[in-house]
N, C-alpha and C. Protein backbone atom coordinates (compact mmCIF):
# COMPACT_ATOMS: atom_id res chain seq x y z
N MET A 1 0.83 -1.19 0.00
CA MET A 1 0.00 0.00 0.00
C MET A 1 0.88 1.25 0.00
N LYS A 2 0.39 2.26 -0.68
CA LYS A 2 1.08 3.54 -0.74
C LYS A 2 0.13 4.63 -0.26
N GLU A 3 0.67 5.84 -0.08
CA GLU A 3 -0.17 6.94 0.38
C GLU A 3 0.24 8.24 -0.30
N ILE A 4 -0.76 9.13 -0.39
CA ILE A 4 -0.57 10.47 -0.92
C ILE A 4 -1.56 11.38 -0.22
N TYR A 5 -1.24 12.65 -0.11
CA TYR A 5 -2.11 13.64 0.53
C TYR A 5 -2.45 14.70 -0.51
N LEU A 6 -3.75 14.90 -0.76
CA LEU A 6 -4.19 15.84 -1.79
C LEU A 6 -5.08 16.92 -1.20
N ALA A 7 -4.77 18.15 -1.51
CA ALA A 7 -5.60 19.30 -1.11
C ALA A 7 -6.24 19.85 -2.38
N GLY A 8 -7.57 19.90 -2.37
CA GLY A 8 -8.28 20.33 -3.57
C GLY A 8 -9.50 21.16 -3.25
N GLY A 9 -9.35 22.09 -2.33
CA GLY A 9 -10.51 22.85 -1.89
C GLY A 9 -11.18 22.10 -0.74
N CYS A 10 -12.48 22.20 -0.66
CA CYS A 10 -13.22 21.53 0.41
C CYS A 10 -12.94 20.03 0.39
N PHE A 11 -12.53 19.50 1.52
CA PHE A 11 -12.13 18.09 1.55
C PHE A 11 -13.29 17.11 1.47
N TRP A 12 -14.51 17.54 1.71
CA TRP A 12 -15.66 16.62 1.66
C TRP A 12 -15.81 15.99 0.28
N GLY A 13 -15.81 16.82 -0.73
CA GLY A 13 -16.01 16.34 -2.09
C GLY A 13 -14.85 15.52 -2.60
N LEU A 14 -13.63 15.96 -2.30
CA LEU A 14 -12.45 15.24 -2.76
C LEU A 14 -12.41 13.83 -2.16
N GLN A 15 -12.77 13.72 -0.89
CA GLN A 15 -12.81 12.40 -0.26
C GLN A 15 -13.87 11.52 -0.93
N ALA A 16 -15.06 12.05 -1.12
CA ALA A 16 -16.14 11.28 -1.74
C ALA A 16 -15.75 10.84 -3.15
N TYR A 17 -15.10 11.72 -3.89
CA TYR A 17 -14.68 11.43 -5.25
C TYR A 17 -13.68 10.27 -5.28
N PHE A 18 -12.66 10.33 -4.46
CA PHE A 18 -11.66 9.27 -4.48
C PHE A 18 -12.17 7.97 -3.85
N ASP A 19 -13.10 8.06 -2.94
CA ASP A 19 -13.67 6.84 -2.37
C ASP A 19 -14.38 6.00 -3.42
N LEU A 20 -14.78 6.61 -4.52
CA LEU A 20 -15.46 5.89 -5.60
C LEU A 20 -14.50 5.19 -6.56
N LYS A 21 -13.21 5.41 -6.41
CA LYS A 21 -12.23 4.89 -7.36
C LYS A 21 -11.65 3.56 -6.90
N ASP A 22 -11.62 2.61 -7.83
CA ASP A 22 -11.06 1.30 -7.55
C ASP A 22 -9.58 1.42 -7.22
N GLY A 23 -9.15 0.76 -6.19
CA GLY A 23 -7.76 0.79 -5.78
C GLY A 23 -7.51 1.70 -4.58
N ILE A 24 -8.46 2.58 -4.29
CA ILE A 24 -8.34 3.42 -3.08
C ILE A 24 -8.84 2.57 -1.92
N THR A 25 -7.97 2.31 -0.97
CA THR A 25 -8.33 1.40 0.13
C THR A 25 -8.76 2.13 1.40
N GLU A 26 -8.36 3.39 1.51
CA GLU A 26 -8.69 4.15 2.72
C GLU A 26 -8.57 5.63 2.41
N SER A 27 -9.40 6.43 3.07
CA SER A 27 -9.26 7.88 2.96
C SER A 27 -9.67 8.51 4.28
N GLU A 28 -9.14 9.69 4.50
CA GLU A 28 -9.45 10.44 5.72
C GLU A 28 -9.25 11.91 5.39
N VAL A 29 -10.12 12.76 5.92
CA VAL A 29 -9.93 14.20 5.73
C VAL A 29 -9.20 14.77 6.93
N GLY A 30 -8.41 15.80 6.65
CA GLY A 30 -7.65 16.42 7.72
C GLY A 30 -7.00 17.71 7.27
N TYR A 31 -6.03 18.13 8.04
CA TYR A 31 -5.36 19.41 7.82
C TYR A 31 -3.87 19.15 7.67
N ALA A 32 -3.28 19.71 6.59
CA ALA A 32 -1.87 19.43 6.29
C ALA A 32 -1.05 20.71 6.16
N ASN A 33 0.21 20.57 6.54
CA ASN A 33 1.28 21.55 6.31
C ASN A 33 0.99 22.92 6.90
N GLY A 34 0.56 22.92 8.13
CA GLY A 34 0.33 24.18 8.83
C GLY A 34 1.40 24.45 9.87
N ASN A 35 1.12 25.46 10.71
CA ASN A 35 2.14 25.90 11.66
C ASN A 35 1.70 25.88 13.12
N THR A 36 0.63 25.14 13.43
CA THR A 36 0.22 24.97 14.82
C THR A 36 0.04 23.48 15.09
N LYS A 37 -0.14 23.12 16.33
CA LYS A 37 -0.37 21.71 16.68
C LYS A 37 -1.86 21.47 16.89
N GLU A 38 -2.31 20.33 16.37
CA GLU A 38 -3.69 19.85 16.57
C GLU A 38 -4.74 20.94 16.33
N PRO A 39 -4.79 21.47 15.12
CA PRO A 39 -5.75 22.53 14.83
C PRO A 39 -7.19 22.01 14.79
N THR A 40 -8.10 22.89 15.10
CA THR A 40 -9.52 22.59 14.95
C THR A 40 -10.00 23.20 13.64
N TYR A 41 -11.15 22.78 13.19
CA TYR A 41 -11.72 23.34 11.97
C TYR A 41 -11.90 24.84 12.10
N GLU A 42 -12.38 25.27 13.26
CA GLU A 42 -12.61 26.70 13.50
C GLU A 42 -11.30 27.48 13.39
N GLN A 43 -10.21 26.91 13.91
CA GLN A 43 -8.91 27.58 13.82
C GLN A 43 -8.42 27.64 12.37
N VAL A 44 -8.58 26.53 11.65
CA VAL A 44 -8.14 26.48 10.26
C VAL A 44 -8.89 27.53 9.43
N CYS A 45 -10.16 27.74 9.73
CA CYS A 45 -10.99 28.69 8.98
C CYS A 45 -10.59 30.15 9.21
N THR A 46 -9.75 30.42 10.19
CA THR A 46 -9.30 31.79 10.43
C THR A 46 -8.22 32.24 9.44
N ASN A 47 -7.71 31.30 8.65
CA ASN A 47 -6.63 31.59 7.69
C ASN A 47 -5.34 32.04 8.38
N THR A 48 -5.14 31.61 9.62
CA THR A 48 -3.92 31.99 10.34
C THR A 48 -3.05 30.80 10.69
N THR A 49 -3.53 29.58 10.47
CA THR A 49 -2.79 28.39 10.88
C THR A 49 -1.90 27.82 9.78
N GLY A 50 -2.13 28.24 8.54
CA GLY A 50 -1.34 27.73 7.42
C GLY A 50 -1.76 26.36 6.90
N TYR A 51 -2.80 25.78 7.46
CA TYR A 51 -3.23 24.44 7.04
C TYR A 51 -4.08 24.47 5.78
N ALA A 52 -3.98 23.40 5.00
CA ALA A 52 -4.85 23.17 3.85
C ALA A 52 -5.77 22.00 4.17
N GLU A 53 -7.04 22.13 3.81
CA GLU A 53 -7.95 20.99 3.93
C GLU A 53 -7.44 19.93 2.96
N THR A 54 -7.16 18.75 3.47
CA THR A 54 -6.43 17.73 2.73
C THR A 54 -7.08 16.38 2.92
N VAL A 55 -6.96 15.54 1.89
CA VAL A 55 -7.44 14.17 1.96
C VAL A 55 -6.25 13.23 1.94
N TYR A 56 -6.16 12.42 2.99
CA TYR A 56 -5.17 11.34 3.04
C TYR A 56 -5.74 10.18 2.24
N ILE A 57 -4.95 9.68 1.29
CA ILE A 57 -5.39 8.58 0.44
C ILE A 57 -4.39 7.45 0.54
N LYS A 58 -4.90 6.29 0.92
CA LYS A 58 -4.10 5.07 0.92
C LYS A 58 -4.58 4.26 -0.28
N TYR A 59 -3.64 3.76 -1.07
CA TYR A 59 -4.04 3.06 -2.29
C TYR A 59 -3.17 1.84 -2.57
N ASP A 60 -3.77 0.92 -3.32
CA ASP A 60 -3.09 -0.29 -3.75
C ASP A 60 -2.49 0.01 -5.12
N ASP A 61 -1.17 0.16 -5.17
CA ASP A 61 -0.54 0.54 -6.43
C ASP A 61 -0.52 -0.58 -7.46
N ASN A 62 -1.04 -1.76 -7.11
CA ASN A 62 -1.25 -2.81 -8.10
C ASN A 62 -2.57 -2.59 -8.84
N LYS A 63 -3.45 -1.77 -8.26
CA LYS A 63 -4.76 -1.50 -8.87
C LYS A 63 -4.88 -0.10 -9.45
N ILE A 64 -4.19 0.86 -8.83
CA ILE A 64 -4.24 2.24 -9.32
C ILE A 64 -2.87 2.88 -9.05
N SER A 65 -2.35 3.55 -10.06
CA SER A 65 -1.03 4.17 -9.94
C SER A 65 -1.16 5.59 -9.42
N LEU A 66 -0.05 6.11 -8.94
CA LEU A 66 -0.03 7.51 -8.54
C LEU A 66 -0.29 8.39 -9.75
N GLU A 67 0.22 8.02 -10.91
CA GLU A 67 -0.04 8.80 -12.12
C GLU A 67 -1.55 8.91 -12.37
N ARG A 68 -2.27 7.80 -12.22
CA ARG A 68 -3.71 7.81 -12.45
C ARG A 68 -4.43 8.64 -11.38
N ILE A 69 -4.01 8.52 -10.14
CA ILE A 69 -4.61 9.33 -9.07
C ILE A 69 -4.45 10.81 -9.39
N LEU A 70 -3.29 11.20 -9.85
CA LEU A 70 -3.05 12.61 -10.20
C LEU A 70 -3.88 13.03 -11.41
N GLU A 71 -4.02 12.18 -12.40
CA GLU A 71 -4.90 12.49 -13.54
C GLU A 71 -6.32 12.78 -13.05
N LEU A 72 -6.80 11.96 -12.14
CA LEU A 72 -8.15 12.15 -11.59
C LEU A 72 -8.22 13.45 -10.79
N PHE A 73 -7.20 13.72 -10.02
CA PHE A 73 -7.13 14.94 -9.21
C PHE A 73 -7.23 16.18 -10.10
N TRP A 74 -6.46 16.22 -11.18
CA TRP A 74 -6.46 17.38 -12.06
C TRP A 74 -7.84 17.61 -12.68
N LYS A 75 -8.61 16.54 -12.87
CA LYS A 75 -9.95 16.68 -13.48
C LYS A 75 -10.92 17.46 -12.61
N VAL A 76 -10.72 17.47 -11.31
CA VAL A 76 -11.73 18.04 -10.41
C VAL A 76 -11.30 19.30 -9.68
N ILE A 77 -10.11 19.81 -10.01
CA ILE A 77 -9.67 21.07 -9.40
C ILE A 77 -9.30 22.06 -10.49
N ASP A 78 -9.21 23.32 -10.11
CA ASP A 78 -8.64 24.35 -10.98
C ASP A 78 -7.26 24.66 -10.40
N PRO A 79 -6.21 24.11 -10.99
CA PRO A 79 -4.87 24.29 -10.41
C PRO A 79 -4.30 25.69 -10.58
N THR A 80 -5.02 26.56 -11.29
CA THR A 80 -4.55 27.94 -11.47
C THR A 80 -5.22 28.90 -10.49
N SER A 81 -6.11 28.39 -9.69
CA SER A 81 -6.86 29.23 -8.75
C SER A 81 -6.18 29.22 -7.38
N LEU A 82 -5.78 30.39 -6.92
CA LEU A 82 -5.08 30.50 -5.65
C LEU A 82 -6.08 30.67 -4.51
N ASN A 83 -6.04 29.75 -3.56
CA ASN A 83 -6.85 29.82 -2.34
C ASN A 83 -8.35 29.87 -2.63
N LYS A 84 -8.77 29.16 -3.68
CA LYS A 84 -10.18 29.15 -4.04
C LYS A 84 -10.47 27.95 -4.93
N GLN A 85 -11.52 27.21 -4.56
CA GLN A 85 -12.05 26.14 -5.39
C GLN A 85 -13.56 26.19 -5.25
N GLY A 86 -14.25 26.16 -6.38
CA GLY A 86 -15.71 26.26 -6.31
C GLY A 86 -16.09 27.53 -5.57
N GLY A 87 -17.05 27.40 -4.65
CA GLY A 87 -17.49 28.55 -3.87
C GLY A 87 -16.68 28.80 -2.62
N ASP A 88 -15.66 28.01 -2.39
CA ASP A 88 -14.86 28.12 -1.17
C ASP A 88 -13.65 29.01 -1.39
N ARG A 89 -13.44 29.93 -0.43
CA ARG A 89 -12.32 30.85 -0.51
C ARG A 89 -11.58 30.91 0.82
N GLY A 90 -10.27 30.99 0.74
CA GLY A 90 -9.43 31.06 1.92
C GLY A 90 -8.21 30.18 1.74
N THR A 91 -7.19 30.43 2.51
CA THR A 91 -5.94 29.68 2.34
C THR A 91 -6.12 28.19 2.59
N GLN A 92 -7.10 27.82 3.40
CA GLN A 92 -7.30 26.39 3.66
C GLN A 92 -7.85 25.66 2.44
N TYR A 93 -8.30 26.41 1.42
CA TYR A 93 -8.85 25.80 0.21
C TYR A 93 -7.85 25.80 -0.94
N ARG A 94 -6.60 26.06 -0.66
CA ARG A 94 -5.58 26.00 -1.71
C ARG A 94 -5.42 24.55 -2.17
N THR A 95 -4.79 24.39 -3.34
CA THR A 95 -4.56 23.05 -3.86
C THR A 95 -3.12 22.64 -3.56
N GLY A 96 -2.96 21.35 -3.31
CA GLY A 96 -1.63 20.85 -3.00
C GLY A 96 -1.52 19.35 -3.15
N ILE A 97 -0.31 18.92 -3.40
CA ILE A 97 0.02 17.49 -3.46
C ILE A 97 1.19 17.31 -2.51
N TYR A 98 0.96 16.53 -1.47
CA TYR A 98 1.96 16.33 -0.43
C TYR A 98 2.32 14.85 -0.36
N PHE A 99 3.59 14.55 -0.43
CA PHE A 99 4.04 13.16 -0.47
C PHE A 99 4.87 12.82 0.76
N THR A 100 4.97 11.51 1.03
CA THR A 100 5.81 11.02 2.13
C THR A 100 6.95 10.17 1.60
N ASP A 101 6.82 9.65 0.39
CA ASP A 101 7.83 8.82 -0.24
C ASP A 101 8.58 9.67 -1.27
N ASP A 102 9.86 9.88 -1.05
CA ASP A 102 10.64 10.73 -1.95
C ASP A 102 10.60 10.27 -3.41
N LYS A 103 10.37 8.98 -3.62
CA LYS A 103 10.30 8.45 -4.99
C LYS A 103 9.09 9.02 -5.74
N ASP A 104 8.09 9.49 -5.02
CA ASP A 104 6.89 10.02 -5.66
C ASP A 104 7.09 11.43 -6.23
N GLU A 105 8.11 12.12 -5.76
CA GLU A 105 8.30 13.51 -6.18
C GLU A 105 8.48 13.64 -7.69
N ALA A 106 9.25 12.79 -8.31
CA ALA A 106 9.47 12.87 -9.76
C ALA A 106 8.18 12.61 -10.52
N ILE A 107 7.38 11.66 -10.07
CA ILE A 107 6.09 11.36 -10.71
C ILE A 107 5.17 12.57 -10.61
N ILE A 108 5.14 13.19 -9.45
CA ILE A 108 4.28 14.36 -9.22
C ILE A 108 4.72 15.52 -10.10
N LYS A 109 6.01 15.78 -10.14
CA LYS A 109 6.52 16.90 -10.94
C LYS A 109 6.26 16.68 -12.43
N LYS A 110 6.39 15.45 -12.91
CA LYS A 110 6.09 15.16 -14.31
C LYS A 110 4.61 15.38 -14.59
N SER A 111 3.75 14.94 -13.69
CA SER A 111 2.32 15.13 -13.86
C SER A 111 1.98 16.62 -13.87
N LEU A 112 2.58 17.38 -12.98
CA LEU A 112 2.36 18.83 -12.93
C LEU A 112 2.82 19.50 -14.22
N GLU A 113 3.95 19.08 -14.72
CA GLU A 113 4.48 19.64 -15.97
C GLU A 113 3.51 19.34 -17.12
N ASN A 114 3.03 18.12 -17.20
CA ASN A 114 2.07 17.75 -18.25
C ASN A 114 0.78 18.56 -18.12
N GLU A 115 0.32 18.74 -16.92
CA GLU A 115 -0.92 19.48 -16.69
C GLU A 115 -0.75 20.95 -17.05
N SER A 116 0.41 21.50 -16.77
CA SER A 116 0.65 22.93 -17.02
C SER A 116 0.54 23.29 -18.50
N ARG A 117 0.72 22.32 -19.37
CA ARG A 117 0.61 22.57 -20.82
C ARG A 117 -0.82 22.88 -21.24
N LYS A 118 -1.78 22.56 -20.41
CA LYS A 118 -3.20 22.77 -20.74
C LYS A 118 -3.67 24.18 -20.40
N TYR A 119 -2.83 24.97 -19.74
CA TYR A 119 -3.24 26.28 -19.24
C TYR A 119 -2.33 27.38 -19.75
N THR A 120 -2.90 28.56 -19.88
CA THR A 120 -2.08 29.73 -20.18
C THR A 120 -1.65 30.41 -18.89
N ARG A 121 -2.46 30.23 -17.84
CA ARG A 121 -2.11 30.79 -16.52
C ARG A 121 -1.20 29.82 -15.77
N LYS A 122 -0.47 30.35 -14.83
CA LYS A 122 0.46 29.55 -14.03
C LYS A 122 -0.31 28.63 -13.07
N ILE A 123 0.16 27.41 -12.93
CA ILE A 123 -0.40 26.49 -11.94
C ILE A 123 0.15 26.87 -10.57
N VAL A 124 -0.76 26.98 -9.60
CA VAL A 124 -0.37 27.39 -8.25
C VAL A 124 -0.51 26.26 -7.23
N THR A 125 -0.76 25.06 -7.70
CA THR A 125 -0.86 23.90 -6.80
C THR A 125 0.49 23.65 -6.14
N GLU A 126 0.47 23.60 -4.81
CA GLU A 126 1.70 23.32 -4.06
C GLU A 126 2.11 21.87 -4.26
N VAL A 127 3.41 21.64 -4.33
CA VAL A 127 3.95 20.29 -4.35
C VAL A 127 5.07 20.26 -3.33
N GLY A 128 5.01 19.30 -2.43
CA GLY A 128 6.08 19.19 -1.45
C GLY A 128 5.90 18.02 -0.52
N LYS A 129 6.90 17.82 0.26
CA LYS A 129 6.89 16.76 1.26
C LYS A 129 5.88 17.13 2.35
N LEU A 130 5.16 16.13 2.82
CA LEU A 130 4.23 16.36 3.92
C LEU A 130 5.01 16.75 5.17
N LYS A 131 4.69 17.91 5.72
CA LYS A 131 5.35 18.38 6.94
C LYS A 131 4.61 17.89 8.19
N ASN A 132 3.28 18.00 8.14
CA ASN A 132 2.46 17.53 9.25
C ASN A 132 1.02 17.33 8.75
N TYR A 133 0.30 16.54 9.49
CA TYR A 133 -1.08 16.24 9.13
C TYR A 133 -1.83 15.87 10.40
N TYR A 134 -3.02 16.44 10.53
CA TYR A 134 -3.90 16.11 11.65
C TYR A 134 -5.27 15.75 11.11
N PRO A 135 -5.84 14.62 11.54
CA PRO A 135 -7.19 14.26 11.09
C PRO A 135 -8.19 15.33 11.51
N ALA A 136 -9.16 15.57 10.62
CA ALA A 136 -10.24 16.50 10.94
C ALA A 136 -11.20 15.84 11.93
N GLU A 137 -12.07 16.64 12.48
CA GLU A 137 -13.06 16.17 13.44
C GLU A 137 -13.94 15.09 12.80
N GLU A 138 -14.49 14.22 13.62
CA GLU A 138 -15.27 13.08 13.14
C GLU A 138 -16.44 13.51 12.25
N TYR A 139 -17.08 14.61 12.54
CA TYR A 139 -18.24 15.00 11.74
C TYR A 139 -17.85 15.35 10.30
N HIS A 140 -16.57 15.60 10.02
CA HIS A 140 -16.11 15.86 8.67
C HIS A 140 -15.80 14.58 7.89
N GLN A 141 -15.53 13.48 8.61
CA GLN A 141 -15.16 12.23 7.95
C GLN A 141 -16.35 11.67 7.18
N LYS A 142 -16.12 11.33 5.90
CA LYS A 142 -17.17 10.75 5.04
C LYS A 142 -18.43 11.62 5.07
N TYR A 143 -18.23 12.94 5.09
CA TYR A 143 -19.33 13.88 5.27
C TYR A 143 -20.44 13.70 4.25
N LEU A 144 -20.09 13.54 2.99
CA LEU A 144 -21.13 13.44 1.96
C LEU A 144 -21.87 12.11 1.99
N GLU A 145 -21.27 11.08 2.59
CA GLU A 145 -22.02 9.84 2.83
C GLU A 145 -23.08 10.08 3.89
N LYS A 146 -22.73 10.81 4.92
CA LYS A 146 -23.64 11.11 6.02
C LYS A 146 -24.67 12.17 5.63
N ASN A 147 -24.29 13.06 4.71
CA ASN A 147 -25.12 14.19 4.29
C ASN A 147 -25.15 14.25 2.76
N PRO A 148 -25.92 13.37 2.12
CA PRO A 148 -25.89 13.28 0.66
C PRO A 148 -26.24 14.58 -0.07
N ASN A 149 -26.92 15.48 0.56
CA ASN A 149 -27.26 16.75 -0.06
C ASN A 149 -26.31 17.87 0.35
N GLY A 150 -25.18 17.50 0.97
CA GLY A 150 -24.20 18.50 1.41
C GLY A 150 -23.53 19.16 0.22
N TYR A 151 -22.97 20.34 0.46
CA TYR A 151 -22.30 21.10 -0.60
C TYR A 151 -21.07 20.36 -1.11
N CYS A 152 -20.94 20.35 -2.42
CA CYS A 152 -19.76 19.76 -3.04
C CYS A 152 -19.50 20.44 -4.37
N HIS A 153 -18.31 21.00 -4.55
CA HIS A 153 -17.97 21.66 -5.81
C HIS A 153 -17.43 20.68 -6.84
N ILE A 154 -17.27 19.42 -6.46
CA ILE A 154 -16.67 18.42 -7.33
C ILE A 154 -17.75 17.57 -8.00
N ASP A 155 -17.58 17.34 -9.28
CA ASP A 155 -18.47 16.45 -10.02
C ASP A 155 -18.02 15.02 -9.72
N LEU A 156 -18.77 14.31 -8.91
CA LEU A 156 -18.37 12.96 -8.47
C LEU A 156 -18.44 11.94 -9.60
N SER A 157 -19.04 12.30 -10.72
CA SER A 157 -19.17 11.34 -11.83
C SER A 157 -17.94 11.30 -12.73
N LEU A 158 -17.00 12.21 -12.55
CA LEU A 158 -15.82 12.22 -13.42
C LEU A 158 -14.88 11.07 -13.12
């Protein structure tokens, strides 16, 4: 099993989207790469903690590759939008790809380079090693399963 951390705006939709993909064995929403310990949702929403709403994804690389996960990720975000996805605005809604395995960095950078050819504007999606991650509160986990009519800027059918 391998893992990757993806920030794509509101984490509810991104988690629901990846949970539908074959080869994803586990997901969890949380907060990544900030500057405080054990942040709460309320703190993250102040735009002072530096955290991005992020989805931890554990996957079986015999069933789905990191390249494919990134292809799917690019389909549901606007990588040229800074601190905004869909109707959500704020630094916690920035886009990012955070890795724990150094071998993944080259794959991510190649994917980013390929994606950048599709845009005239600069891609602002962060790419870097995961510095820290804290799981979000329980009510955020699998939110759209619990609240099927909840807000989601992501087209889950892609």
